[in-house]
PDB file of all heavy atoms in Angstrom:
ATOM      1  N   SER A   1      -2.534  14.681 -10.118  1.00  0.00           N
ATOM      2  CA  SER A   1      -1.573  15.571 -10.782  1.00  0.00           C
ATOM      3  C   SER A   1      -0.448  14.733 -11.396  1.00  0.00           C
ATOM      4  O   SER A   1      -0.247  13.568 -11.036  1.00  0.00           O
ATOM      5  CB  SER A   1      -0.995  16.558  -9.774  1.00  0.00           C
ATOM      6  OG  SER A   1      -0.181  15.867  -8.841  1.00  0.00           O
ATOM      7  N   GLU A   2       0.302  15.344 -12.290  1.00  0.00           N
ATOM      8  CA  GLU A   2       1.441  14.656 -12.901  1.00  0.00           C
ATOM      9  C   GLU A   2       2.469  14.263 -11.838  1.00  0.00           C
ATOM     10  O   GLU A   2       3.086  13.213 -11.918  1.00  0.00           O
ATOM     11  CB  GLU A   2       2.091  15.533 -13.976  1.00  0.00           C
ATOM     12  CG  GLU A   2       1.297  15.603 -15.253  1.00  0.00           C
ATOM     13  CD  GLU A   2       1.149  14.244 -15.933  1.00  0.00           C
ATOM     14  OE1 GLU A   2       2.133  13.469 -15.981  1.00  0.00           O
ATOM     15  OE2 GLU A   2       0.035  13.948 -16.415  1.00  0.00           O
ATOM     16  N   GLU A   3       2.632  15.138 -10.844  1.00  0.00           N
ATOM     17  CA  GLU A   3       3.579  14.861  -9.763  1.00  0.00           C
ATOM     18  C   GLU A   3       3.179  13.603  -9.000  1.00  0.00           C
ATOM     19  O   GLU A   3       4.013  12.734  -8.735  1.00  0.00           O
ATOM     20  CB  GLU A   3       3.644  16.059  -8.804  1.00  0.00           C
ATOM     21  CG  GLU A   3       4.602  15.868  -7.657  1.00  0.00           C
ATOM     22  CD  GLU A   3       4.600  17.052  -6.705  1.00  0.00           C
ATOM     23  OE1 GLU A   3       4.300  18.177  -7.141  1.00  0.00           O
ATOM     24  OE2 GLU A   3       4.897  16.839  -5.527  1.00  0.00           O
ATOM     25  N   VAL A   4       1.907  13.488  -8.652  1.00  0.00           N
ATOM     26  CA  VAL A   4       1.417  12.309  -7.942  1.00  0.00           C
ATOM     27  C   VAL A   4       1.541  11.074  -8.824  1.00  0.00           C
ATOM     28  O   VAL A   4       1.963  10.003  -8.375  1.00  0.00           O
ATOM     29  CB  VAL A   4      -0.043  12.507  -7.474  1.00  0.00           C
ATOM     30  CG1 VAL A   4      -0.644  11.210  -6.957  1.00  0.00           C
ATOM     31  CG2 VAL A   4      -0.113  13.591  -6.410  1.00  0.00           C
ATOM     32  N   LYS A   5       1.211  11.224 -10.095  1.00  0.00           N
ATOM     33  CA  LYS A   5       1.305  10.095 -11.023  1.00  0.00           C
ATOM     34  C   LYS A   5       2.737   9.573 -11.102  1.00  0.00           C
ATOM     35  O   LYS A   5       2.974   8.363 -11.115  1.00  0.00           O
ATOM     36  CB  LYS A   5       0.820  10.508 -12.412  1.00  0.00           C
ATOM     37  CG  LYS A   5       0.785   9.371 -13.393  1.00  0.00           C
ATOM     38  CD  LYS A   5       0.212   9.822 -14.719  1.00  0.00           C
ATOM     39  CE  LYS A   5       0.193   8.685 -15.729  1.00  0.00           C
ATOM     40  NZ  LYS A   5      -0.340   9.122 -17.022  1.00  0.00           N
ATOM     41  N   GLU A   6       3.712  10.472 -11.118  1.00  0.00           N
ATOM     42  CA  GLU A   6       5.109  10.049 -11.177  1.00  0.00           C
ATOM     43  C   GLU A   6       5.525   9.339  -9.889  1.00  0.00           C
ATOM     44  O   GLU A   6       6.278   8.364  -9.935  1.00  0.00           O
ATOM     45  CB  GLU A   6       6.026  11.242 -11.462  1.00  0.00           C
ATOM     46  CG  GLU A   6       5.903  11.753 -12.889  1.00  0.00           C
ATOM     47  CD  GLU A   6       6.144  10.665 -13.925  1.00  0.00           C
ATOM     48  OE1 GLU A   6       7.122   9.896 -13.801  1.00  0.00           O
ATOM     49  OE2 GLU A   6       5.333  10.567 -14.869  1.00  0.00           O
ATOM     50  N   ARG A   7       5.065   9.835  -8.730  1.00  0.00           N
ATOM     51  CA  ARG A   7       5.382   9.163  -7.466  1.00  0.00           C
ATOM     52  C   ARG A   7       4.762   7.774  -7.430  1.00  0.00           C
ATOM     53  O   ARG A   7       5.394   6.821  -6.980  1.00  0.00           O
ATOM     54  CB  ARG A   7       4.896   9.996  -6.281  1.00  0.00           C
ATOM     55  CG  ARG A   7       5.767  11.216  -6.028  1.00  0.00           C
ATOM     56  CD  ARG A   7       5.566  11.802  -4.647  1.00  0.00           C
ATOM     57  NE  ARG A   7       4.189  11.955  -4.256  1.00  0.00           N
ATOM     58  CZ  ARG A   7       3.544  13.111  -4.150  1.00  0.00           C
ATOM     59  NH1 ARG A   7       4.166  14.239  -4.400  1.00  0.00           N
ATOM     60  NH2 ARG A   7       2.282  13.151  -3.777  1.00  0.00           N
ATOM     61  N   LEU A   8       3.525   7.656  -7.920  1.00  0.00           N
ATOM     62  CA  LEU A   8       2.883   6.347  -7.974  1.00  0.00           C
ATOM     63  C   LEU A   8       3.623   5.421  -8.935  1.00  0.00           C
ATOM     64  O   LEU A   8       3.819   4.241  -8.641  1.00  0.00           O
ATOM     65  CB  LEU A   8       1.416   6.477  -8.386  1.00  0.00           C
ATOM     66  CG  LEU A   8       0.487   7.106  -7.344  1.00  0.00           C
ATOM     67  CD1 LEU A   8      -0.879   7.379  -7.952  1.00  0.00           C
ATOM     68  CD2 LEU A   8       0.373   6.213  -6.118  1.00  0.00           C
ATOM     69  N   ARG A   9       4.018   5.961 -10.070  1.00  0.00           N
ATOM     70  CA  ARG A   9       4.754   5.153 -11.048  1.00  0.00           C
ATOM     71  C   ARG A   9       6.052   4.619 -10.438  1.00  0.00           C
ATOM     72  O   ARG A   9       6.454   3.482 -10.678  1.00  0.00           O
ATOM     73  CB  ARG A   9       5.044   5.974 -12.295  1.00  0.00           C
ATOM     74  CG  ARG A   9       5.722   5.173 -13.389  1.00  0.00           C
ATOM     75  CD  ARG A   9       5.888   5.947 -14.683  1.00  0.00           C
ATOM     76  NE  ARG A   9       4.612   5.941 -15.396  1.00  0.00           N
ATOM     77  CZ  ARG A   9       3.989   7.012 -15.860  1.00  0.00           C
ATOM     78  NH1 ARG A   9       4.533   8.207 -15.698  1.00  0.00           N
ATOM     79  NH2 ARG A   9       2.857   6.929 -16.490  1.00  0.00           N
ATOM     80  N   ALA A  10       6.718   5.437  -9.617  1.00  0.00           N
ATOM     81  CA  ALA A  10       7.963   5.010  -8.974  1.00  0.00           C
ATOM     82  C   ALA A  10       7.719   3.892  -7.951  1.00  0.00           C
ATOM     83  O   ALA A  10       8.593   3.054  -7.726  1.00  0.00           O
ATOM     84  CB  ALA A  10       8.635   6.204  -8.294  1.00  0.00           C
ATOM     85  N   LEU A  11       6.543   3.875  -7.351  1.00  0.00           N
ATOM     86  CA  LEU A  11       6.206   2.847  -6.358  1.00  0.00           C
ATOM     87  C   LEU A  11       5.679   1.561  -6.995  1.00  0.00           C
ATOM     88  O   LEU A  11       5.714   0.502  -6.384  1.00  0.00           O
ATOM     89  CB  LEU A  11       5.139   3.378  -5.392  1.00  0.00           C
ATOM     90  CG  LEU A  11       5.549   4.523  -4.487  1.00  0.00           C
ATOM     91  CD1 LEU A  11       4.337   5.072  -3.752  1.00  0.00           C
ATOM     92  CD2 LEU A  11       6.606   4.065  -3.494  1.00  0.00           C
ATOM     93  N   LYS A  12       5.202   1.670  -8.214  1.00  0.00           N
ATOM     94  CA  LYS A  12       4.562   0.543  -8.895  1.00  0.00           C
ATOM     95  C   LYS A  12       5.600  -0.492  -9.292  1.00  0.00           C
ATOM     96  O   LYS A  12       6.656  -0.188  -9.810  1.00  0.00           O
ATOM     97  CB  LYS A  12       3.823   1.048 -10.135  1.00  0.00           C
ATOM     98  CG  LYS A  12       2.923   0.045 -10.786  1.00  0.00           C
ATOM     99  CD  LYS A  12       2.090   0.690 -11.879  1.00  0.00           C
ATOM    100  CE  LYS A  12       2.700   0.613 -13.234  1.00  0.00           C
ATOM    101  NZ  LYS A  12       3.184  -0.648 -13.683  1.00  0.00           N
ATOM    102  N   ARG A  13       5.269  -1.757  -9.029  1.00  0.00           N
ATOM    103  CA  ARG A  13       6.127  -2.859  -9.449  1.00  0.00           C
ATOM    104  C   ARG A  13       5.938  -3.101 -10.944  1.00  0.00           C
ATOM    105  O   ARG A  13       4.899  -2.786 -11.505  1.00  0.00           O
ATOM    106  CB  ARG A  13       5.768  -4.110  -8.659  1.00  0.00           C
ATOM    107  CG  ARG A  13       6.008  -3.939  -7.168  1.00  0.00           C
ATOM    108  CD  ARG A  13       5.469  -5.100  -6.389  1.00  0.00           C
ATOM    109  NE  ARG A  13       5.702  -4.888  -4.961  1.00  0.00           N
ATOM    110  CZ  ARG A  13       4.996  -5.469  -4.010  1.00  0.00           C
ATOM    111  NH1 ARG A  13       4.017  -6.297  -4.316  1.00  0.00           N
ATOM    112  NH2 ARG A  13       5.267  -5.221  -2.751  1.00  0.00           N
ATOM    113  N   ASP A  14       6.952  -3.684 -11.583  1.00  0.00           N
ATOM    114  CA  ASP A  14       6.902  -3.905 -13.029  1.00  0.00           C
ATOM    115  C   ASP A  14       5.710  -4.753 -13.466  1.00  0.00           C
ATOM    116  O   ASP A  14       5.135  -4.518 -14.520  1.00  0.00           O
ATOM    117  CB  ASP A  14       8.196  -4.567 -13.521  1.00  0.00           C
ATOM    118  CG  ASP A  14       9.379  -3.626 -13.450  1.00  0.00           C
ATOM    119  OD1 ASP A  14       9.167  -2.394 -13.426  1.00  0.00           O
ATOM    120  OD2 ASP A  14      10.516  -4.125 -13.408  1.00  0.00           O
ATOM    121  N   ASP A  15       5.351  -5.735 -12.664  1.00  0.00           N
ATOM    122  CA  ASP A  15       4.267  -6.652 -13.028  1.00  0.00           C
ATOM    123  C   ASP A  15       2.919  -6.240 -12.439  1.00  0.00           C
ATOM    124  O   ASP A  15       2.000  -7.042 -12.372  1.00  0.00           O
ATOM    125  CB  ASP A  15       4.612  -8.073 -12.571  1.00  0.00           C
ATOM    126  CG  ASP A  15       4.750  -8.190 -11.060  1.00  0.00           C
ATOM    127  OD1 ASP A  15       4.959  -7.154 -10.386  1.00  0.00           O
ATOM    128  OD2 ASP A  15       4.645  -9.311 -10.541  1.00  0.00           O
ATOM    129  N   GLU A  16       2.792  -4.984 -12.034  1.00  0.00           N
ATOM    130  CA  GLU A  16       1.625  -4.521 -11.290  1.00  0.00           C
ATOM    131  C   GLU A  16       0.901  -3.421 -12.065  1.00  0.00           C
ATOM    132  O   GLU A  16       1.526  -2.528 -12.617  1.00  0.00           O
ATOM    133  CB  GLU A  16       2.128  -3.985  -9.940  1.00  0.00           C
ATOM    134  CG  GLU A  16       1.115  -3.610  -8.937  1.00  0.00           C
ATOM    135  CD  GLU A  16       1.760  -3.237  -7.612  1.00  0.00           C
ATOM    136  OE1 GLU A  16       2.738  -2.448  -7.590  1.00  0.00           O
ATOM    137  OE2 GLU A  16       1.296  -3.748  -6.591  1.00  0.00           O
ATOM    138  N   SER A  17      -0.420  -3.489 -12.078  1.00  0.00           N
ATOM    139  CA  SER A  17      -1.212  -2.409 -12.668  1.00  0.00           C
ATOM    140  C   SER A  17      -1.360  -1.294 -11.634  1.00  0.00           C
ATOM    141  O   SER A  17      -1.085  -1.495 -10.446  1.00  0.00           O
ATOM    142  CB  SER A  17      -2.593  -2.931 -13.073  1.00  0.00           C
ATOM    143  OG  SER A  17      -3.349  -3.251 -11.914  1.00  0.00           O
ATOM    144  N   PHE A  18      -1.808  -0.125 -12.069  1.00  0.00           N
ATOM    145  CA  PHE A  18      -2.044   0.960 -11.107  1.00  0.00           C
ATOM    146  C   PHE A  18      -3.149   0.566 -10.128  1.00  0.00           C
ATOM    147  O   PHE A  18      -3.097   0.912  -8.950  1.00  0.00           O
ATOM    148  CB  PHE A  18      -2.389   2.271 -11.826  1.00  0.00           C
ATOM    149  CG  PHE A  18      -1.173   3.014 -12.294  1.00  0.00           C
ATOM    150  CD1 PHE A  18      -0.799   2.974 -13.619  1.00  0.00           C
ATOM    151  CD2 PHE A  18      -0.389   3.739 -11.412  1.00  0.00           C
ATOM    152  CE1 PHE A  18       0.333   3.655 -14.064  1.00  0.00           C
ATOM    153  CE2 PHE A  18       0.740   4.414 -11.838  1.00  0.00           C
ATOM    154  CZ  PHE A  18       1.101   4.368 -13.171  1.00  0.00           C
ATOM    155  N   ASP A  19      -4.139  -0.164 -10.584  1.00  0.00           N
ATOM    156  CA  ASP A  19      -5.208  -0.644  -9.700  1.00  0.00           C
ATOM    157  C   ASP A  19      -4.623  -1.538  -8.605  1.00  0.00           C
ATOM    158  O   ASP A  19      -4.946  -1.390  -7.424  1.00  0.00           O
ATOM    159  CB  ASP A  19      -6.263  -1.398 -10.512  1.00  0.00           C
ATOM    160  CG  ASP A  19      -7.435  -1.824  -9.658  1.00  0.00           C
ATOM    161  OD1 ASP A  19      -8.158  -0.925  -9.154  1.00  0.00           O
ATOM    162  OD2 ASP A  19      -7.628  -3.041  -9.481  1.00  0.00           O
ATOM    163  N   GLU A  20      -3.741  -2.451  -8.982  1.00  0.00           N
ATOM    164  CA  GLU A  20      -3.111  -3.343  -8.008  1.00  0.00           C
ATOM    165  C   GLU A  20      -2.225  -2.558  -7.048  1.00  0.00           C
ATOM    166  O   GLU A  20      -2.181  -2.850  -5.851  1.00  0.00           O
ATOM    167  CB  GLU A  20      -2.305  -4.419  -8.725  1.00  0.00           C
ATOM    168  CG  GLU A  20      -3.182  -5.403  -9.478  1.00  0.00           C
ATOM    169  CD  GLU A  20      -2.420  -6.268 -10.462  1.00  0.00           C
ATOM    170  OE1 GLU A  20      -1.363  -5.823 -10.989  1.00  0.00           O
ATOM    171  OE2 GLU A  20      -2.890  -7.391 -10.706  1.00  0.00           O
ATOM    172  N   LEU A  21      -1.512  -1.562  -7.564  1.00  0.00           N
ATOM    173  CA  LEU A  21      -0.675  -0.718  -6.714  1.00  0.00           C
ATOM    174  C   LEU A  21      -1.519  -0.012  -5.656  1.00  0.00           C
ATOM    175  O   LEU A  21      -1.199  -0.038  -4.467  1.00  0.00           O
ATOM    176  CB  LEU A  21       0.067   0.322  -7.555  1.00  0.00           C
ATOM    177  CG  LEU A  21       0.713   1.473  -6.770  1.00  0.00           C
ATOM    178  CD1 LEU A  21       1.885   0.985  -5.956  1.00  0.00           C
ATOM    179  CD2 LEU A  21       1.112   2.592  -7.711  1.00  0.00           C
ATOM    180  N   LEU A  22      -2.596   0.635  -6.092  1.00  0.00           N
ATOM    181  CA  LEU A  22      -3.439   1.368  -5.149  1.00  0.00           C
ATOM    182  C   LEU A  22      -4.083   0.433  -4.145  1.00  0.00           C
ATOM    183  O   LEU A  22      -4.214   0.773  -2.959  1.00  0.00           O
ATOM    184  CB  LEU A  22      -4.491   2.177  -5.904  1.00  0.00           C
ATOM    185  CG  LEU A  22      -3.916   3.309  -6.759  1.00  0.00           C
ATOM    186  CD1 LEU A  22      -5.008   3.925  -7.620  1.00  0.00           C
ATOM    187  CD2 LEU A  22      -3.243   4.353  -5.895  1.00  0.00           C
ATOM    188  N   ASP A  23      -4.452  -0.762  -4.579  1.00  0.00           N
ATOM    189  CA  ASP A  23      -5.005  -1.750  -3.655  1.00  0.00           C
ATOM    190  C   ASP A  23      -3.959  -2.133  -2.612  1.00  0.00           C
ATOM    191  O   ASP A  23      -4.237  -2.149  -1.411  1.00  0.00           O
ATOM    192  CB  ASP A  23      -5.463  -2.986  -4.434  1.00  0.00           C
ATOM    193  CG  ASP A  23      -6.078  -4.029  -3.539  1.00  0.00           C
ATOM    194  OD1 ASP A  23      -7.038  -3.685  -2.799  1.00  0.00           O
ATOM    195  OD2 ASP A  23      -5.623  -5.183  -3.574  1.00  0.00           O
ATOM    196  N   ARG A  24      -2.733  -2.396  -3.052  1.00  0.00           N
ATOM    197  CA  ARG A  24      -1.654  -2.772  -2.129  1.00  0.00           C
ATOM    198  C   ARG A  24      -1.362  -1.649  -1.142  1.00  0.00           C
ATOM    199  O   ARG A  24      -1.251  -1.877   0.072  1.00  0.00           O
ATOM    200  CB  ARG A  24      -0.388  -3.100  -2.945  1.00  0.00           C
ATOM    201  CG  ARG A  24       0.820  -3.430  -2.093  1.00  0.00           C
ATOM    202  CD  ARG A  24       1.974  -3.962  -2.927  1.00  0.00           C
ATOM    203  NE  ARG A  24       2.390  -3.115  -4.024  1.00  0.00           N
ATOM    204  CZ  ARG A  24       3.299  -2.143  -3.927  1.00  0.00           C
ATOM    205  NH1 ARG A  24       3.872  -1.868  -2.774  1.00  0.00           N
ATOM    206  NH2 ARG A  24       3.638  -1.448  -4.996  1.00  0.00           N
ATOM    207  N   LEU A  25      -1.263  -0.426  -1.630  1.00  0.00           N
ATOM    208  CA  LEU A  25      -0.948   0.702  -0.752  1.00  0.00           C
ATOM    209  C   LEU A  25      -2.072   0.995   0.229  1.00  0.00           C
ATOM    210  O   LEU A  25      -1.817   1.356   1.378  1.00  0.00           O
ATOM    211  CB  LEU A  25      -0.646   1.949  -1.583  1.00  0.00           C
ATOM    212  CG  LEU A  25       0.617   1.898  -2.436  1.00  0.00           C
ATOM    213  CD1 LEU A  25       0.728   3.159  -3.279  1.00  0.00           C
ATOM    214  CD2 LEU A  25       1.848   1.691  -1.584  1.00  0.00           C
ATOM    215  N   SER A  26      -3.302   0.842  -0.200  1.00  0.00           N
ATOM    216  CA  SER A  26      -4.426   1.153   0.686  1.00  0.00           C
ATOM    217  C   SER A  26      -4.614   0.108   1.767  1.00  0.00           C
ATOM    218  O   SER A  26      -5.205   0.384   2.804  1.00  0.00           O
ATOM    219  CB  SER A  26      -5.718   1.311  -0.124  1.00  0.00           C
ATOM    220  OG  SER A  26      -6.098   0.071  -0.693  1.00  0.00           O
ATOM    221  N   ARG A  27      -4.112  -1.087   1.573  1.00  0.00           N
ATOM    222  CA  ARG A  27      -4.237  -2.146   2.575  1.00  0.00           C
ATOM    223  C   ARG A  27      -3.123  -2.108   3.607  1.00  0.00           C
ATOM    224  O   ARG A  27      -3.300  -2.552   4.719  1.00  0.00           O
ATOM    225  CB  ARG A  27      -4.207  -3.516   1.893  1.00  0.00           C
ATOM    226  CG  ARG A  27      -5.406  -3.791   1.080  1.00  0.00           C
ATOM    227  CD  ARG A  27      -5.222  -5.102   0.335  1.00  0.00           C
ATOM    228  NE  ARG A  27      -6.338  -5.378  -0.513  1.00  0.00           N
ATOM    229  CZ  ARG A  27      -7.337  -6.180  -0.191  1.00  0.00           C
ATOM    230  NH1 ARG A  27      -7.332  -6.782   0.975  1.00  0.00           N
ATOM    231  NH2 ARG A  27      -8.332  -6.381  -1.016  1.00  0.00           N
ATOM    232  N   ARG A  28      -1.983  -1.584   3.251  1.00  0.00           N
ATOM    233  CA  ARG A  28      -0.791  -1.694   4.075  1.00  0.00           C
ATOM    234  C   ARG A  28      -0.986  -1.183   5.505  1.00  0.00           C
ATOM    235  O   ARG A  28      -0.725  -1.882   6.463  1.00  0.00           O
ATOM    236  CB  ARG A  28       0.355  -0.942   3.406  1.00  0.00           C
ATOM    237  CG  ARG A  28       1.687  -1.285   3.994  1.00  0.00           C
ATOM    238  CD  ARG A  28       2.795  -0.701   3.201  1.00  0.00           C
ATOM    239  NE  ARG A  28       3.062  -1.580   2.067  1.00  0.00           N
ATOM    240  CZ  ARG A  28       3.867  -1.291   1.078  1.00  0.00           C
ATOM    241  NH1 ARG A  28       4.473  -0.138   1.058  1.00  0.00           N
ATOM    242  NH2 ARG A  28       4.081  -2.132   0.101  1.00  0.00           N
ATOM    243  N   GLU A  29      -1.456   0.046   5.683  1.00  0.00           N
ATOM    244  CA  GLU A  29      -1.580   0.617   7.026  1.00  0.00           C
ATOM    245  C   GLU A  29      -2.621  -0.133   7.842  1.00  0.00           C
ATOM    246  O   GLU A  29      -2.414  -0.420   9.009  1.00  0.00           O
ATOM    247  CB  GLU A  29      -1.925   2.102   6.960  1.00  0.00           C
ATOM    248  CG  GLU A  29      -1.890   2.756   8.323  1.00  0.00           C
ATOM    249  CD  GLU A  29      -1.929   4.264   8.243  1.00  0.00           C
ATOM    250  OE1 GLU A  29      -1.440   4.839   7.270  1.00  0.00           O
ATOM    251  OE2 GLU A  29      -2.456   4.853   9.182  1.00  0.00           O
ATOM    252  N   LYS A  30      -3.742  -0.466   7.238  1.00  0.00           N
ATOM    253  CA  LYS A  30      -4.790  -1.199   7.954  1.00  0.00           C
ATOM    254  C   LYS A  30      -4.269  -2.553   8.399  1.00  0.00           C
ATOM    255  O   LYS A  30      -4.513  -2.979   9.526  1.00  0.00           O
ATOM    256  CB  LYS A  30      -6.015  -1.367   7.063  1.00  0.00           C
ATOM    257  CG  LYS A  30      -7.143  -2.079   7.746  1.00  0.00           C
ATOM    258  CD  LYS A  30      -8.335  -2.231   6.846  1.00  0.00           C
ATOM    259  CE  LYS A  30      -9.424  -2.995   7.579  1.00  0.00           C
ATOM    260  NZ  LYS A  30     -10.496  -3.395   6.717  1.00  0.00           N
ATOM    261  N   ASP A  31      -3.556  -3.254   7.542  1.00  0.00           N
ATOM    262  CA  ASP A  31      -3.010  -4.556   7.896  1.00  0.00           C
ATOM    263  C   ASP A  31      -2.043  -4.455   9.061  1.00  0.00           C
ATOM    264  O   ASP A  31      -2.043  -5.301   9.954  1.00  0.00           O
ATOM    265  CB  ASP A  31      -2.304  -5.189   6.694  1.00  0.00           C
ATOM    266  CG  ASP A  31      -3.270  -5.585   5.581  1.00  0.00           C
ATOM    267  OD1 ASP A  31      -4.484  -5.640   5.847  1.00  0.00           O
ATOM    268  OD2 ASP A  31      -2.801  -5.835   4.462  1.00  0.00           O
ATOM    269  N   ILE A  32      -1.215  -3.423   9.067  1.00  0.00           N
ATOM    270  CA  ILE A  32      -0.264  -3.226  10.165  1.00  0.00           C
ATOM    271  C   ILE A  32      -1.011  -2.980  11.470  1.00  0.00           C
ATOM    272  O   ILE A  32      -0.670  -3.535  12.514  1.00  0.00           O
ATOM    273  CB  ILE A  32       0.703  -2.062   9.851  1.00  0.00           C
ATOM    274  CG1 ILE A  32       1.653  -2.484   8.726  1.00  0.00           C
ATOM    275  CG2 ILE A  32       1.492  -1.636  11.088  1.00  0.00           C
ATOM    276  CD1 ILE A  32       2.493  -1.360   8.167  1.00  0.00           C
ATOM    277  N   GLU A  33      -2.070  -2.170  11.431  1.00  0.00           N
ATOM    278  CA  GLU A  33      -2.849  -1.906  12.635  1.00  0.00           C
ATOM    279  C   GLU A  33      -3.531  -3.178  13.131  1.00  0.00           C
ATOM    280  O   GLU A  33      -3.602  -3.422  14.334  1.00  0.00           O
ATOM    281  CB  GLU A  33      -3.881  -0.818  12.358  1.00  0.00           C
ATOM    282  CG  GLU A  33      -3.252   0.550  12.209  1.00  0.00           C
ATOM    283  CD  GLU A  33      -4.236   1.623  11.797  1.00  0.00           C
ATOM    284  OE1 GLU A  33      -5.427   1.311  11.597  1.00  0.00           O
ATOM    285  OE2 GLU A  33      -3.815   2.779  11.670  1.00  0.00           O
ATOM    286  N   GLU A  34      -4.013  -4.014  12.219  1.00  0.00           N
ATOM    287  CA  GLU A  34      -4.644  -5.268  12.611  1.00  0.00           C
ATOM    288  C   GLU A  34      -3.630  -6.206  13.258  1.00  0.00           C
ATOM    289  O   GLU A  34      -3.921  -6.856  14.254  1.00  0.00           O
ATOM    290  CB  GLU A  34      -5.301  -5.942  11.413  1.00  0.00           C
ATOM    291  CG  GLU A  34      -6.578  -5.259  10.977  1.00  0.00           C
ATOM    292  CD  GLU A  34      -7.181  -5.879   9.728  1.00  0.00           C
ATOM    293  OE1 GLU A  34      -6.678  -6.918   9.247  1.00  0.00           O
ATOM    294  OE2 GLU A  34      -8.162  -5.304   9.229  1.00  0.00           O
ATOM    295  N   MET A  35      -2.422  -6.272  12.691  1.00  0.00           N
ATOM    296  CA  MET A  35      -1.381  -7.116  13.279  1.00  0.00           C
ATOM    297  C   MET A  35      -1.024  -6.621  14.676  1.00  0.00           C
ATOM    298  O   MET A  35      -0.832  -7.412  15.589  1.00  0.00           O
ATOM    299  CB  MET A  35      -0.132  -7.129  12.396  1.00  0.00           C
ATOM    300  CG  MET A  35      -0.295  -7.946  11.142  1.00  0.00           C
ATOM    301  SD  MET A  35       1.236  -8.180  10.222  1.00  0.00           S
ATOM    302  CE  MET A  35       1.729  -6.505   9.852  1.00  0.00           C
ATOM    303  N   ALA A  36      -0.945  -5.315  14.834  1.00  0.00           N
ATOM    304  CA  ALA A  36      -0.618  -4.759  16.145  1.00  0.00           C
ATOM    305  C   ALA A  36      -1.686  -5.134  17.159  1.00  0.00           C
ATOM    306  O   ALA A  36      -1.378  -5.497  18.296  1.00  0.00           O
ATOM    307  CB  ALA A  36      -0.476  -3.252  16.061  1.00  0.00           C
ATOM    308  N   GLY A  37      -2.945  -5.074  16.761  1.00  0.00           N
ATOM    309  CA  GLY A  37      -4.030  -5.452  17.649  1.00  0.00           C
ATOM    310  C   GLY A  37      -3.969  -6.909  18.038  1.00  0.00           C
ATOM    311  O   GLY A  37      -4.282  -7.280  19.173  1.00  0.00           O
ATOM    312  N   SER A  38      -3.544  -7.768  17.123  1.00  0.00           N
ATOM    313  CA  SER A  38      -3.475  -9.193  17.421  1.00  0.00           C
ATOM    314  C   SER A  38      -2.348  -9.522  18.397  1.00  0.00           C
ATOM    315  O   SER A  38      -2.340 -10.581  19.005  1.00  0.00           O
ATOM    316  CB  SER A  38      -3.317 -10.012  16.136  1.00  0.00           C
ATOM    317  OG  SER A  38      -2.044  -9.806  15.576  1.00  0.00           O
ATOM    318  N   LEU A  39      -1.396  -8.618  18.551  1.00  0.00           N
ATOM    319  CA  LEU A  39      -0.289  -8.829  19.478  1.00  0.00           C
ATOM    320  C   LEU A  39      -0.527  -8.182  20.842  1.00  0.00           C
ATOM    321  O   LEU A  39       0.318  -8.276  21.723  1.00  0.00           O
ATOM    322  CB  LEU A  39       1.005  -8.264  18.885  1.00  0.00           C
ATOM    323  CG  LEU A  39       1.491  -8.924  17.602  1.00  0.00           C
ATOM    324  CD1 LEU A  39       2.697  -8.176  17.052  1.00  0.00           C
ATOM    325  CD2 LEU A  39       1.833 -10.381  17.839  1.00  0.00           C
ATOM    326  N   ALA A  40      -1.677  -7.560  21.020  1.00  0.00           N
ATOM    327  CA  ALA A  40      -1.944  -6.809  22.245  1.00  0.00           C
ATOM    328  C   ALA A  40      -1.813  -7.682  23.494  1.00  0.00           C
ATOM    329  O   ALA A  40      -1.383  -7.213  24.544  1.00  0.00           O
ATOM    330  CB  ALA A  40      -3.327  -6.175  22.189  1.00  0.00           C
ATOM    331  N   PHE A  41      -2.162  -8.967  23.383  1.00  0.00           N
ATOM    332  CA  PHE A  41      -2.080  -9.837  24.554  1.00  0.00           C
ATOM    333  C   PHE A  41      -0.640 -10.020  25.039  1.00  0.00           C
ATOM    334  O   PHE A  41      -0.406 -10.383  26.185  1.00  0.00           O
ATOM    335  CB  PHE A  41      -2.703 -11.203  24.255  1.00  0.00           C
ATOM    336  CG  PHE A  41      -1.899 -12.042  23.305  1.00  0.00           C
ATOM    337  CD1 PHE A  41      -0.994 -12.972  23.790  1.00  0.00           C
ATOM    338  CD2 PHE A  41      -2.049 -11.908  21.936  1.00  0.00           C
ATOM    339  CE1 PHE A  41      -0.248 -13.752  22.913  1.00  0.00           C
ATOM    340  CE2 PHE A  41      -1.314 -12.690  21.060  1.00  0.00           C
ATOM    341  CZ  PHE A  41      -0.411 -13.609  21.546  1.00  0.00           C
ATOM    342  N   LEU A  42       0.351  -9.740  24.205  1.00  0.00           N
ATOM    343  CA  LEU A  42       1.755  -9.840  24.590  1.00  0.00           C
ATOM    344  C   LEU A  42       2.247  -8.591  25.315  1.00  0.00           C
ATOM    345  O   LEU A  42       3.336  -8.582  25.857  1.00  0.00           O
ATOM    346  CB  LEU A  42       2.633 -10.044  23.343  1.00  0.00           C
ATOM    347  CG  LEU A  42       2.399 -11.302  22.535  1.00  0.00           C
ATOM    348  CD1 LEU A  42       3.243 -11.259  21.263  1.00  0.00           C
ATOM    349  CD2 LEU A  42       2.731 -12.543  23.346  1.00  0.00           C
TER     350      LEU A  42
END
């Protein structure tokens, strides 16, 4: 929707394509969960 497109545009960096934005956003939560798992021994 136009609303979603505007929210994505607001999150997009100036030097970033929409493809790069979506790639960055889709990795963020998974990466955080992986980091949390790597700290479990602490």
